[in-house]
Amino acid sequence: MKKAIEYKKTEWEPLTDVPIPRCPDILSFHFSLDRIFGESYDYAGEMHPFYEIVYVLSGSVGVTAGEKVYVLNTGQCLMHTPNEFHRIRSERGSEPHVLNLSFYAGEMPPMSGRIFEPSDILREEFLEISLEVRDGLHNSDMDLLATQRVRLERWLLRAFRNGHEAGVKETSGTIRYAEIVRLMQEHIAENLQAGDIARLSRMSLSKLKKIFTSYAGMGVSRYFTEMKMRRAAELLRGGARVGEAAAALGYSDQNYFSTVFHRIMGVPPGKYKEP
């Protein structure tokens, strides 16, 4: 004899769409560094096609990231995005202890801010991940690196929850620096020299050079050229032809554009692609 089965009808509830943060998609690791800087350390600056996390274990560092200048103290970290100009230096007379972990990623969830202050638990996990990645890269241990890739993806999702913009160093110099960088972005399609940028910024050429030496560690003309090449890289990744990218950035001579792009980006524009 069959037993009767009673089914309880589920009450209707309105459908809701709850957005789920997109998980980071880390493709490979580039390096993991553990360094203590002297109190006069001042790195001239660079840009590269991968993400980089700067984690301050002790002391203070000044970080230039794009148009902004930050001061990071013990327990804080910042993530540089691909092809972003950045610079780091010791601050406040300290000898900072800094971890740098860099990686390529296909996807990254949006950040609520550039500065993160991970909890003690997240701090210990990041230390473990950094050490394991260092060992994995040194020994070419693909299994170890694959495991740490998943751990770092989860770590980033949790760390991103408390991102903020505190730590921005706002002085007359940093404010002017940000204004000049934004002005360059607005005129990126033009062929401007340092004197033209000084005129548009309404300041003397000597003052302009002093600001860029202080916060970018390079001349204003070189900075503007590298900004153009970063923009060219974005256009090329988006499907633009070499000639189109050159014209969009004010270069009438495609061969000269290709020479400059190759010198700064490391590959000819015709072969450029994101790793």
C-alpha atoms as a PDB file:
ATOM      1  CA  MET A   1       0.000   0.000   0.000  1.00  0.00           C
ATOM      2  CA  LYS A   2       1.459   3.301  -1.074  1.00  0.00           C
ATOM      3  CA  LYS A   3       1.989   5.899   1.578  1.00  0.00           C
ATOM      4  CA  ALA A   4       0.445   9.298   0.884  1.00  0.00           C
ATOM      5  CA  ILE A   5       3.009  12.049   0.588  1.00  0.00           C
ATOM      6  CA  GLU A   6       2.031  15.557   1.533  1.00  0.00           C
ATOM      7  CA  TYR A   7       3.752  18.468  -0.115  1.00  0.00           C
ATOM      8  CA  LYS A   8       3.943  21.843   1.549  1.00  0.00           C
ATOM      9  CA  LYS A   9       3.452  24.595  -0.966  1.00  0.00           C
ATOM     10  CA  THR A  10       6.079  27.310  -0.790  1.00  0.00           C
ATOM     11  CA  GLU A  11       4.593  30.744  -0.496  1.00  0.00           C
ATOM     12  CA  TRP A  12       5.333  33.057  -3.379  1.00  0.00           C
ATOM     13  CA  GLU A  13       8.011  35.635  -2.742  1.00  0.00           C
ATOM     14  CA  PRO A  14       8.942  38.452  -5.101  1.00  0.00           C
ATOM     15  CA  LEU A  15      12.087  37.799  -7.108  1.00  0.00           C
ATOM     16  CA  THR A  16      15.075  39.958  -6.251  1.00  0.00           C
ATOM     17  CA  ASP A  17      18.364  40.411  -8.084  1.00  0.00           C
ATOM     18  CA  VAL A  18      21.209  40.486  -5.604  1.00  0.00           C
ATOM     19  CA  PRO A  19      24.490  41.534  -7.240  1.00  0.00           C
ATOM     20  CA  ILE A  20      27.400  39.261  -6.431  1.00  0.00           C
ATOM     21  CA  PRO A  21      30.900  40.814  -6.470  1.00  0.00           C
ATOM     22  CA  ARG A  22      32.851  39.457  -9.408  1.00  0.00           C
ATOM     23  CA  CYS A  23      35.670  37.240  -8.248  1.00  0.00           C
ATOM     24  CA  PRO A  24      39.181  38.350  -9.240  1.00  0.00           C
ATOM     25  CA  ASP A  25      40.609  36.248 -12.041  1.00  0.00           C
ATOM     26  CA  ILE A  26      44.349  36.007 -11.383  1.00  0.00           C
ATOM     27  CA  LEU A  27      46.240  34.594 -14.365  1.00  0.00           C
ATOM     28  CA  SER A  28      49.812  34.476 -13.068  1.00  0.00           C
ATOM     29  CA  PHE A  29      52.182  35.917 -10.475  1.00  0.00           C
ATOM     30  CA  HIS A  30      55.020  38.245 -11.418  1.00  0.00           C
ATOM     31  CA  PHE A  31      57.005  38.716  -8.202  1.00  0.00           C
ATOM     32  CA  SER A  32      56.822  38.749  -4.405  1.00  0.00           C
ATOM     33  CA  LEU A  33      59.261  40.999  -2.543  1.00  0.00           C
ATOM     34  CA  ASP A  34      59.989  41.567   1.149  1.00  0.00           C
ATOM     35  CA  ARG A  35      62.144  44.662   1.700  1.00  0.00           C
ATOM     36  CA  ILE A  36      63.219  47.158   4.357  1.00  0.00           C
ATOM     37  CA  PHE A  37      63.964  50.623   2.956  1.00  0.00           C
ATOM     38  CA  GLY A  38      66.426  53.107   4.409  1.00  0.00           C
ATOM     39  CA  GLU A  39      65.019  56.399   5.676  1.00  0.00           C
ATOM     40  CA  SER A  40      66.274  58.205   2.548  1.00  0.00           C
ATOM     41  CA  TYR A  41      64.921  55.619   0.059  1.00  0.00           C
ATOM     42  CA  ASP A  42      63.278  57.245  -2.968  1.00  0.00           C
ATOM     43  CA  TYR A  43      62.442  55.126  -6.021  1.00  0.00           C
ATOM     44  CA  ALA A  44      62.210  57.142  -9.233  1.00  0.00           C
ATOM     45  CA  GLY A  45      58.989  55.506 -10.423  1.00  0.00           C
ATOM     46  CA  GLU A  46      57.783  53.076 -13.060  1.00  0.00           C
ATOM     47  CA  MET A  47      54.760  51.597 -14.781  1.00  0.00           C
ATOM     48  CA  HIS A  48      54.057  47.997 -15.777  1.00  0.00           C
ATOM     49  CA  PRO A  49      51.203  45.899 -17.226  1.00  0.00           C
ATOM     50  CA  PHE A  50      50.318  44.040 -14.013  1.00  0.00           C
ATOM     51  CA  TYR A  51      48.661  44.709 -10.656  1.00  0.00           C
ATOM     52  CA  GLU A  52      50.852  45.357  -7.620  1.00  0.00           C
ATOM     53  CA  ILE A  53      49.918  45.347  -3.931  1.00  0.00           C
ATOM     54  CA  VAL A  54      52.078  47.514  -1.657  1.00  0.00           C
ATOM     55  CA  TYR A  55      51.683  46.432   1.983  1.00  0.00           C
ATOM     56  CA  VAL A  56      53.415  48.406   4.763  1.00  0.00           C
ATOM     57  CA  LEU A  57      54.336  46.149   7.690  1.00  0.00           C
ATOM     58  CA  SER A  58      56.034  48.957   9.640  1.00  0.00           C
ATOM     59  CA  GLY A  59      56.998  52.580   9.160  1.00  0.00           C
ATOM     60  CA  SER A  60      55.556  54.982   6.592  1.00  0.00           C
ATOM     61  CA  VAL A  61      55.920  55.388   2.840  1.00  0.00           C
ATOM     62  CA  GLY A  62      54.887  58.067   0.374  1.00  0.00           C
ATOM     63  CA  VAL A  63      53.289  56.643  -2.759  1.00  0.00           C
ATOM     64  CA  THR A  64      52.541  58.451  -5.993  1.00  0.00           C
ATOM     65  CA  ALA A  65      49.774  56.598  -7.852  1.00  0.00           C
ATOM     66  CA  GLY A  66      48.681  58.243 -11.059  1.00  0.00           C
ATOM     67  CA  GLU A  67      47.635  61.785 -10.210  1.00  0.00           C
ATOM     68  CA  LYS A  68      47.379  61.242  -6.443  1.00  0.00           C
ATOM     69  CA  VAL A  69      49.962  61.163  -3.673  1.00  0.00           C
ATOM     70  CA  TYR A  70      49.336  59.016  -0.573  1.00  0.00           C
ATOM     71  CA  VAL A  71      51.044  58.374   2.739  1.00  0.00           C
ATOM     72  CA  LEU A  72      50.717  54.753   3.896  1.00  0.00           C
ATOM     73  CA  ASN A  73      51.375  53.860   7.513  1.00  0.00           C
ATOM     74  CA  THR A  74      51.858  50.551   9.331  1.00  0.00           C
ATOM     75  CA  GLY A  75      49.118  48.055   8.475  1.00  0.00           C
ATOM     76  CA  GLN A  76      47.921  49.821   5.326  1.00  0.00           C
ATOM     77  CA  CYS A  77      48.171  48.683   1.736  1.00  0.00           C
ATOM     78  CA  LEU A  78      47.421  50.043  -1.723  1.00  0.00           C
ATOM     79  CA  MET A  79      46.962  48.332  -5.083  1.00  0.00           C
ATOM     80  CA  HIS A  80      48.380  49.750  -8.295  1.00  0.00           C
ATOM     81  CA  THR A  81      46.445  49.001 -11.465  1.00  0.00           C
ATOM     82  CA  PRO A  82      48.141  47.975 -14.737  1.00  0.00           C
ATOM     83  CA  ASN A  83      50.033  50.678 -16.641  1.00  0.00           C
ATOM     84  CA  GLU A  84      49.637  53.196 -13.827  1.00  0.00           C
ATOM     85  CA  PHE A  85      52.658  55.362 -13.117  1.00  0.00           C
ATOM     86  CA  HIS A  86      53.729  54.923  -9.495  1.00  0.00           C
ATOM     87  CA  ARG A  87      56.555  55.832  -7.171  1.00  0.00           C
ATOM     88  CA  ILE A  88      57.474  54.962  -3.566  1.00  0.00           C
ATOM     89  CA  ARG A  89      59.711  56.607  -0.974  1.00  0.00           C
ATOM     90  CA  SER A  90      60.355  56.489   2.774  1.00  0.00           C
ATOM     91  CA  GLU A  91      58.390  58.991   4.850  1.00  0.00           C
ATOM     92  CA  ARG A  92      58.560  60.579   8.311  1.00  0.00           C
ATOM     93  CA  GLY A  93      62.133  59.503   8.996  1.00  0.00           C
ATOM     94  CA  SER A  94      61.175  55.813   9.129  1.00  0.00           C
ATOM     95  CA  GLU A  95      62.857  52.744   7.662  1.00  0.00           C
ATOM     96  CA  PRO A  96      59.700  51.089   6.325  1.00  0.00           C
ATOM     97  CA  HIS A  97      59.236  47.343   5.965  1.00  0.00           C
ATOM     98  CA  VAL A  98      57.234  46.742   2.786  1.00  0.00           C
ATOM     99  CA  LEU A  99      55.800  43.718   0.988  1.00  0.00           C
ATOM    100  CA  ASN A 100      55.190  43.921  -2.760  1.00  0.00           C
ATOM    101  CA  LEU A 101      53.091  41.255  -4.485  1.00  0.00           C
ATOM    102  CA  SER A 102      52.350  41.575  -8.192  1.00  0.00           C
ATOM    103  CA  PHE A 103      50.183  39.567 -10.547  1.00  0.00           C
ATOM    104  CA  TYR A 104      48.376  39.573 -13.883  1.00  0.00           C
ATOM    105  CA  ALA A 105      44.586  39.383 -13.795  1.00  0.00           C
ATOM    106  CA  GLY A 106      41.881  39.010 -16.417  1.00  0.00           C
ATOM    107  CA  GLU A 107      39.145  40.451 -14.214  1.00  0.00           C
ATOM    108  CA  MET A 108      39.056  42.486 -11.014  1.00  0.00           C
ATOM    109  CA  PRO A 109      36.027  43.580  -8.967  1.00  0.00           C
ATOM    110  CA  PRO A 110      35.576  47.317  -8.450  1.00  0.00           C
ATOM    111  CA  MET A 111      37.386  48.791  -5.456  1.00  0.00           C
ATOM    112  CA  SER A 112      35.628  51.031  -2.943  1.00  0.00           C
ATOM    113  CA  GLY A 113      38.884  52.938  -2.485  1.00  0.00           C
ATOM    114  CA  ARG A 114      42.636  52.671  -3.060  1.00  0.00           C
ATOM    115  CA  ILE A 115      43.722  52.229   0.561  1.00  0.00           C
ATOM    116  CA  PHE A 116      43.021  49.053   2.569  1.00  0.00           C
ATOM    117  CA  GLU A 117      43.566  48.264   6.233  1.00  0.00           C
ATOM    118  CA  PRO A 118      43.261  44.470   6.513  1.00  0.00           C
ATOM    119  CA  SER A 119      42.372  42.881   9.842  1.00  0.00           C
ATOM    120  CA  ASP A 120      44.995  40.949  11.819  1.00  0.00           C
ATOM    121  CA  ILE A 121      43.667  37.712  10.312  1.00  0.00           C
ATOM    122  CA  LEU A 122      43.919  39.047   6.766  1.00  0.00           C
ATOM    123  CA  ARG A 123      47.367  40.450   7.522  1.00  0.00           C
ATOM    124  CA  GLU A 124      48.675  37.052   8.622  1.00  0.00           C
ATOM    125  CA  GLU A 125      47.135  35.389   5.588  1.00  0.00           C
ATOM    126  CA  PHE A 126      48.726  37.912   3.244  1.00  0.00           C
ATOM    127  CA  LEU A 127      52.111  37.243   4.831  1.00  0.00           C
ATOM    128  CA  GLU A 128      51.607  33.509   4.227  1.00  0.00           C
ATOM    129  CA  ILE A 129      50.482  34.042   0.630  1.00  0.00           C
ATOM    130  CA  SER A 130      53.437  36.320  -0.129  1.00  0.00           C
ATOM    131  CA  LEU A 131      55.916  33.791   1.271  1.00  0.00           C
ATOM    132  CA  GLU A 132      54.320  30.853  -0.558  1.00  0.00           C
ATOM    133  CA  VAL A 133      54.256  32.780  -3.846  1.00  0.00           C
ATOM    134  CA  ARG A 134      57.935  33.659  -3.392  1.00  0.00           C
ATOM    135  CA  ASP A 135      58.785  29.994  -2.874  1.00  0.00           C
ATOM    136  CA  GLY A 136      56.562  28.912  -5.756  1.00  0.00           C
ATOM    137  CA  LEU A 137      58.191  31.339  -8.174  1.00  0.00           C
ATOM    138  CA  HIS A 138      61.692  30.419  -6.987  1.00  0.00           C
ATOM    139  CA  ASN A 139      61.070  26.675  -7.355  1.00  0.00           C
ATOM    140  CA  SER A 140      58.696  26.865 -10.363  1.00  0.00           C
ATOM    141  CA  ASP A 141      56.116  25.008  -8.257  1.00  0.00           C
ATOM    142  CA  MET A 142      52.948  25.339 -10.355  1.00  0.00           C
ATOM    143  CA  ASP A 143      50.756  23.485  -7.864  1.00  0.00           C
ATOM    144  CA  LEU A 144      51.781  25.787  -5.028  1.00  0.00           C
ATOM    145  CA  LEU A 145      51.222  28.883  -7.179  1.00  0.00           C
ATOM    146  CA  ALA A 146      47.782  27.629  -8.261  1.00  0.00           C
ATOM    147  CA  THR A 147      46.787  27.188  -4.619  1.00  0.00           C
ATOM    148  CA  GLN A 148      47.977  30.679  -3.700  1.00  0.00           C
ATOM    149  CA  ARG A 149      46.165  32.131  -6.691  1.00  0.00           C
ATOM    150  CA  VAL A 150      42.844  30.949  -5.270  1.00  0.00           C
ATOM    151  CA  ARG A 151      43.786  32.138  -1.763  1.00  0.00           C
ATOM    152  CA  LEU A 152      44.701  35.615  -3.038  1.00  0.00           C
ATOM    153  CA  GLU A 153      41.472  35.892  -5.042  1.00  0.00           C
ATOM    154  CA  ARG A 154      39.466  35.216  -1.869  1.00  0.00           C
ATOM    155  CA  TRP A 155      41.705  37.558   0.127  1.00  0.00           C
ATOM    156  CA  LEU A 156      41.110  40.411  -2.312  1.00  0.00           C
ATOM    157  CA  LEU A 157      37.334  39.994  -2.136  1.00  0.00           C
ATOM    158  CA  ARG A 158      37.451  40.359   1.645  1.00  0.00           C
ATOM    159  CA  ALA A 159      40.029  43.173   1.665  1.00  0.00           C
ATOM    160  CA  PHE A 160      38.111  45.226  -0.898  1.00  0.00           C
ATOM    161  CA  ARG A 161      35.189  45.588   1.511  1.00  0.00           C
ATOM    162  CA  ASN A 162      36.933  48.282   3.552  1.00  0.00           C
ATOM    163  CA  GLY A 163      38.733  50.251   0.871  1.00  0.00           C
ATOM    164  CA  HIS A 164      38.805  54.017   1.289  1.00  0.00           C
ATOM    165  CA  GLU A 165      40.632  57.130   0.121  1.00  0.00           C
ATOM    166  CA  ALA A 166      42.086  58.211   3.472  1.00  0.00           C
ATOM    167  CA  GLY A 167      45.794  58.892   3.360  1.00  0.00           C
ATOM    168  CA  VAL A 168      45.718  61.259   0.394  1.00  0.00           C
ATOM    169  CA  LYS A 169      48.475  63.807   0.976  1.00  0.00           C
ATOM    170  CA  GLU A 170      46.961  67.209   0.250  1.00  0.00           C
ATOM    171  CA  THR A 171      49.473  70.025   0.175  1.00  0.00           C
ATOM    172  CA  SER A 172      49.764  72.892  -2.260  1.00  0.00           C
ATOM    173  CA  GLY A 173      52.340  70.841  -4.174  1.00  0.00           C
ATOM    174  CA  THR A 174      50.297  67.621  -4.429  1.00  0.00           C
ATOM    175  CA  ILE A 175      47.159  69.546  -5.369  1.00  0.00           C
ATOM    176  CA  ARG A 176      49.011  71.323  -8.179  1.00  0.00           C
ATOM    177  CA  TYR A 177      50.547  68.018  -9.265  1.00  0.00           C
ATOM    178  CA  ALA A 178      47.083  66.443  -9.565  1.00  0.00           C
ATOM    179  CA  GLU A 179      45.810  69.461 -11.503  1.00  0.00           C
ATOM    180  CA  ILE A 180      48.687  69.251 -13.979  1.00  0.00           C
ATOM    181  CA  VAL A 181      48.229  65.510 -14.523  1.00  0.00           C
ATOM    182  CA  ARG A 182      44.515  66.048 -15.200  1.00  0.00           C
ATOM    183  CA  LEU A 183      45.382  68.872 -17.599  1.00  0.00           C
ATOM    184  CA  MET A 184      47.722  66.517 -19.470  1.00  0.00           C
ATOM    185  CA  GLN A 185      44.924  63.961 -19.715  1.00  0.00           C
ATOM    186  CA  GLU A 186      42.628  66.598 -21.196  1.00  0.00           C
ATOM    187  CA  HIS A 187      45.252  67.529 -23.815  1.00  0.00           C
ATOM    188  CA  ILE A 188      46.600  64.040 -24.444  1.00  0.00           C
ATOM    189  CA  ALA A 189      45.821  64.226 -28.174  1.00  0.00           C
ATOM    190  CA  GLU A 190      48.039  67.292 -28.580  1.00  0.00           C
ATOM    191  CA  ASN A 191      51.771  67.549 -29.193  1.00  0.00           C
ATOM    192  CA  LEU A 192      52.727  69.599 -26.130  1.00  0.00           C
ATOM    193  CA  GLN A 193      56.199  70.468 -24.899  1.00  0.00           C
ATOM    194  CA  ALA A 194      57.099  71.271 -21.280  1.00  0.00           C
ATOM    195  CA  GLY A 195      56.778  74.997 -21.953  1.00  0.00           C
ATOM    196  CA  ASP A 196      53.271  74.507 -23.371  1.00  0.00           C
ATOM    197  CA  ILE A 197      52.209  72.549 -20.284  1.00  0.00           C
ATOM    198  CA  ALA A 198      53.647  75.248 -18.010  1.00  0.00           C
ATOM    199  CA  ARG A 199      51.693  77.909 -19.902  1.00  0.00           C
ATOM    200  CA  LEU A 200      48.444  75.937 -19.733  1.00  0.00           C
ATOM    201  CA  SER A 201      49.077  75.350 -16.011  1.00  0.00           C
ATOM    202  CA  ARG A 202      49.721  79.068 -15.490  1.00  0.00           C
ATOM    203  CA  MET A 203      53.061  78.566 -13.791  1.00  0.00           C
ATOM    204  CA  SER A 204      56.705  79.021 -14.600  1.00  0.00           C
ATOM    205  CA  LEU A 205      58.615  76.229 -16.282  1.00  0.00           C
ATOM    206  CA  SER A 206      60.996  75.997 -13.316  1.00  0.00           C
ATOM    207  CA  LYS A 207      58.071  75.568 -10.895  1.00  0.00           C
ATOM    208  CA  LEU A 208      56.544  72.877 -13.115  1.00  0.00           C
ATOM    209  CA  LYS A 209      59.809  70.954 -13.259  1.00  0.00           C
ATOM    210  CA  LYS A 210      60.217  71.180  -9.476  1.00  0.00           C
ATOM    211  CA  ILE A 211      56.749  69.723  -8.850  1.00  0.00           C
ATOM    212  CA  PHE A 212      57.337  66.776 -11.189  1.00  0.00           C
ATOM    213  CA  THR A 213      60.766  66.077  -9.778  1.00  0.00           C
ATOM    214  CA  SER A 214      59.208  65.955  -6.293  1.00  0.00           C
ATOM    215  CA  TYR A 215      56.191  63.741  -7.015  1.00  0.00           C
ATOM    216  CA  ALA A 216      56.922  61.892 -10.244  1.00  0.00           C
ATOM    217  CA  GLY A 217      60.691  61.627 -10.100  1.00  0.00           C
ATOM    218  CA  MET A 218      60.978  62.470 -13.808  1.00  0.00           C
ATOM    219  CA  GLY A 219      60.684  65.378 -16.199  1.00  0.00           C
ATOM    220  CA  VAL A 220      57.270  66.614 -17.260  1.00  0.00           C
ATOM    221  CA  SER A 221      57.900  65.857 -20.958  1.00  0.00           C
ATOM    222  CA  ARG A 222      58.826  62.257 -20.223  1.00  0.00           C
ATOM    223  CA  TYR A 223      55.766  61.867 -18.003  1.00  0.00           C
ATOM    224  CA  PHE A 224      53.490  63.217 -20.744  1.00  0.00           C
ATOM    225  CA  THR A 225      55.021  60.866 -23.311  1.00  0.00           C
ATOM    226  CA  GLU A 226      54.564  57.851 -21.037  1.00  0.00           C
ATOM    227  CA  MET A 227      50.977  58.905 -20.384  1.00  0.00           C
ATOM    228  CA  LYS A 228      50.406  58.958 -24.156  1.00  0.00           C
ATOM    229  CA  MET A 229      51.875  55.484 -24.542  1.00  0.00           C
ATOM    230  CA  ARG A 230      49.686  54.110 -21.738  1.00  0.00           C
ATOM    231  CA  ARG A 231      46.682  55.543 -23.545  1.00  0.00           C
ATOM    232  CA  ALA A 232      47.944  54.068 -26.827  1.00  0.00           C
ATOM    233  CA  ALA A 233      48.131  50.660 -25.156  1.00  0.00           C
ATOM    234  CA  GLU A 234      44.480  50.966 -24.111  1.00  0.00           C
ATOM    235  CA  LEU A 235      43.476  51.874 -27.673  1.00  0.00           C
ATOM    236  CA  LEU A 236      45.417  48.955 -29.136  1.00  0.00           C
ATOM    237  CA  ARG A 237      43.886  46.521 -26.659  1.00  0.00           C
ATOM    238  CA  GLY A 238      40.495  47.883 -27.690  1.00  0.00           C
ATOM    239  CA  GLY A 239      41.151  46.968 -31.322  1.00  0.00           C
ATOM    240  CA  ALA A 240      42.573  50.202 -32.754  1.00  0.00           C
ATOM    241  CA  ARG A 241      45.144  49.969 -35.536  1.00  0.00           C
ATOM    242  CA  VAL A 242      48.624  51.361 -34.994  1.00  0.00           C
ATOM    243  CA  GLY A 243      47.994  54.312 -37.310  1.00  0.00           C
ATOM    244  CA  GLU A 244      44.709  55.094 -35.565  1.00  0.00           C
ATOM    245  CA  ALA A 245      46.349  55.055 -32.127  1.00  0.00           C
ATOM    246  CA  ALA A 246      49.175  57.273 -33.360  1.00  0.00           C
ATOM    247  CA  ALA A 247      46.788  59.823 -34.871  1.00  0.00           C
ATOM    248  CA  ALA A 248      44.576  59.851 -31.769  1.00  0.00           C
ATOM    249  CA  LEU A 249      47.579  60.900 -29.686  1.00  0.00           C
ATOM    250  CA  GLY A 250      48.892  63.610 -31.966  1.00  0.00           C
ATOM    251  CA  TYR A 251      51.612  61.669 -33.817  1.00  0.00           C
ATOM    252  CA  SER A 252      51.679  62.418 -37.546  1.00  0.00           C
ATOM    253  CA  ASP A 253      54.630  60.061 -38.116  1.00  0.00           C
ATOM    254  CA  GLN A 254      53.549  56.463 -37.420  1.00  0.00           C
ATOM    255  CA  ASN A 255      57.126  55.175 -37.533  1.00  0.00           C
ATOM    256  CA  TYR A 256      58.219  57.642 -34.854  1.00  0.00           C
ATOM    257  CA  PHE A 257      55.207  56.712 -32.741  1.00  0.00           C
ATOM    258  CA  SER A 258      56.124  53.031 -33.051  1.00  0.00           C
ATOM    259  CA  THR A 259      59.705  53.753 -31.990  1.00  0.00           C
ATOM    260  CA  VAL A 260      58.568  55.662 -28.889  1.00  0.00           C
ATOM    261  CA  PHE A 261      55.965  53.018 -28.006  1.00  0.00           C
ATOM    262  CA  HIS A 262      58.526  50.206 -28.312  1.00  0.00           C
ATOM    263  CA  ARG A 263      61.018  52.082 -26.112  1.00  0.00           C
ATOM    264  CA  ILE A 264      58.516  52.720 -23.331  1.00  0.00           C
ATOM    265  CA  MET A 265      56.247  49.650 -23.469  1.00  0.00           C
ATOM    266  CA  GLY A 266      58.947  47.105 -24.382  1.00  0.00           C
ATOM    267  CA  VAL A 267      57.207  45.716 -27.490  1.00  0.00           C
ATOM    268  CA  PRO A 268      56.249  47.160 -30.895  1.00  0.00           C
ATOM    269  CA  PRO A 269      52.675  48.475 -31.008  1.00  0.00           C
ATOM    270  CA  GLY A 270      51.752  45.974 -33.727  1.00  0.00           C
ATOM    271  CA  LYS A 271      52.513  43.112 -31.335  1.00  0.00           C
ATOM    272  CA  TYR A 272      51.174  44.666 -28.160  1.00  0.00           C
ATOM    273  CA  LYS A 273      48.653  42.768 -26.108  1.00  0.00           C
ATOM    274  CA  GLU A 274      47.871  42.349 -22.441  1.00  0.00           C
ATOM    275  CA  PRO A 275      49.529  39.181 -20.954  1.00  0.00           C
END
